[in-house]
Amino acid sequence: MATAEQHDITVGAAKVASAWGAIAITSWTDIAAALAALYTLLMILDLWWRRFGRNWAEERGWVQRRKRRATDREDADE
């Protein structure tokens, strides 16, 4: 017969397994695929931020404008 502590551990493990099963991750292959999809999503978001999002945020004043050239800096007049 299981002790109360063993029962609690079993219930916790079952909850974790059911949570992973709810999002269809049941094997190491599925975990690798999910991580690859997450990494790809992060790379796409990074690309979007660099190409479009940063410029859009700079135009609205939410993000400070980047200083790209020596002539963009205030000390370039010297």
Protein backbone atom coordinates (compact mmCIF):
# COMPACT_ATOMS: atom_id res chain seq x y z
CA MET A 1 0.00 0.00 0.00
CA ALA A 2 1.30 3.45 -0.92
CA THR A 3 2.00 6.10 1.66
CA ALA A 4 0.47 9.55 1.53
CA GLU A 5 3.74 11.00 0.21
CA GLN A 6 3.96 8.45 -2.60
CA HIS A 7 0.34 9.15 -3.47
CA ASP A 8 1.04 12.91 -3.67
CA ILE A 9 4.03 12.30 -5.96
CA THR A 10 1.96 10.03 -8.19
CA VAL A 11 -0.85 12.58 -8.42
CA GLY A 12 1.65 15.34 -9.26
CA ALA A 13 3.29 13.25 -11.97
CA ALA A 14 -0.10 12.42 -13.44
CA LYS A 15 -1.00 16.11 -13.58
CA VAL A 16 2.26 16.96 -15.36
CA ALA A 17 1.78 14.11 -17.84
CA SER A 18 -1.80 15.14 -18.55
CA ALA A 19 -0.73 18.78 -19.07
CA TRP A 20 1.89 17.73 -21.63
CA GLY A 21 -0.60 15.35 -23.21
CA ALA A 22 -3.14 18.16 -23.54
CA ILE A 23 -0.83 19.96 -25.95
CA ALA A 24 0.02 16.69 -27.74
CA ILE A 25 3.58 16.30 -26.44
CA THR A 26 3.96 12.65 -25.57
CA SER A 27 7.50 11.76 -26.67
CA TRP A 28 10.98 13.24 -26.96
CA THR A 29 10.41 13.69 -30.68
CA ASP A 30 7.37 15.84 -29.96
CA ILE A 31 9.34 17.87 -27.42
CA ALA A 32 12.10 18.48 -29.99
CA ALA A 33 9.55 19.50 -32.61
CA ALA A 34 7.83 21.89 -30.18
CA LEU A 35 11.16 23.50 -29.25
CA ALA A 36 12.09 23.83 -32.93
CA ALA A 37 8.75 25.50 -33.63
CA LEU A 38 9.25 27.87 -30.70
CA TYR A 39 12.78 28.75 -31.87
CA THR A 40 11.52 29.37 -35.41
CA LEU A 41 8.78 31.63 -34.07
CA LEU A 42 11.34 33.62 -32.07
CA MET A 43 13.53 34.01 -35.16
CA ILE A 44 10.56 35.25 -37.21
CA LEU A 45 9.63 37.73 -34.47
CA ASP A 46 13.24 38.96 -34.33
CA LEU A 47 13.25 39.46 -38.10
CA TRP A 48 9.94 41.32 -37.95
CA TRP A 49 11.22 43.56 -35.11
CA ARG A 50 14.43 44.42 -36.96
CA ARG A 51 12.75 45.14 -40.29
CA PHE A 52 9.41 46.70 -39.34
CA GLY A 53 8.66 46.84 -35.63
CA ARG A 54 11.62 48.95 -34.50
CA ASN A 55 11.03 51.58 -37.19
CA TRP A 56 7.33 51.70 -36.33
CA ALA A 57 8.09 52.12 -32.62
CA GLU A 58 10.70 54.81 -33.35
CA GLU A 59 8.19 56.80 -35.42
CA ARG A 60 5.76 56.82 -32.51
CA GLY A 61 8.42 57.75 -29.97
CA TRP A 62 8.12 54.52 -27.96
CA VAL A 63 11.76 53.59 -28.61
CA GLN A 64 14.72 55.95 -28.85
CA ARG A 65 16.02 56.40 -32.38
CA ARG A 66 19.26 54.61 -33.21
CA LYS A 67 22.35 56.63 -34.03
CA ARG A 68 23.59 54.97 -37.22
CA ARG A 69 26.21 57.31 -38.68
CA ALA A 70 28.82 59.64 -37.27
CA THR A 71 26.79 62.57 -38.64
CA ASP A 72 23.76 61.45 -36.60
CA ARG A 73 25.58 62.06 -33.33
CA GLU A 74 25.52 65.46 -31.63
CA ASP A 75 29.31 65.50 -31.13
CA ALA A 76 29.94 65.18 -34.89
CA ASP A 77 30.01 68.97 -35.34
CA GLU A 78 33.53 69.20 -33.94
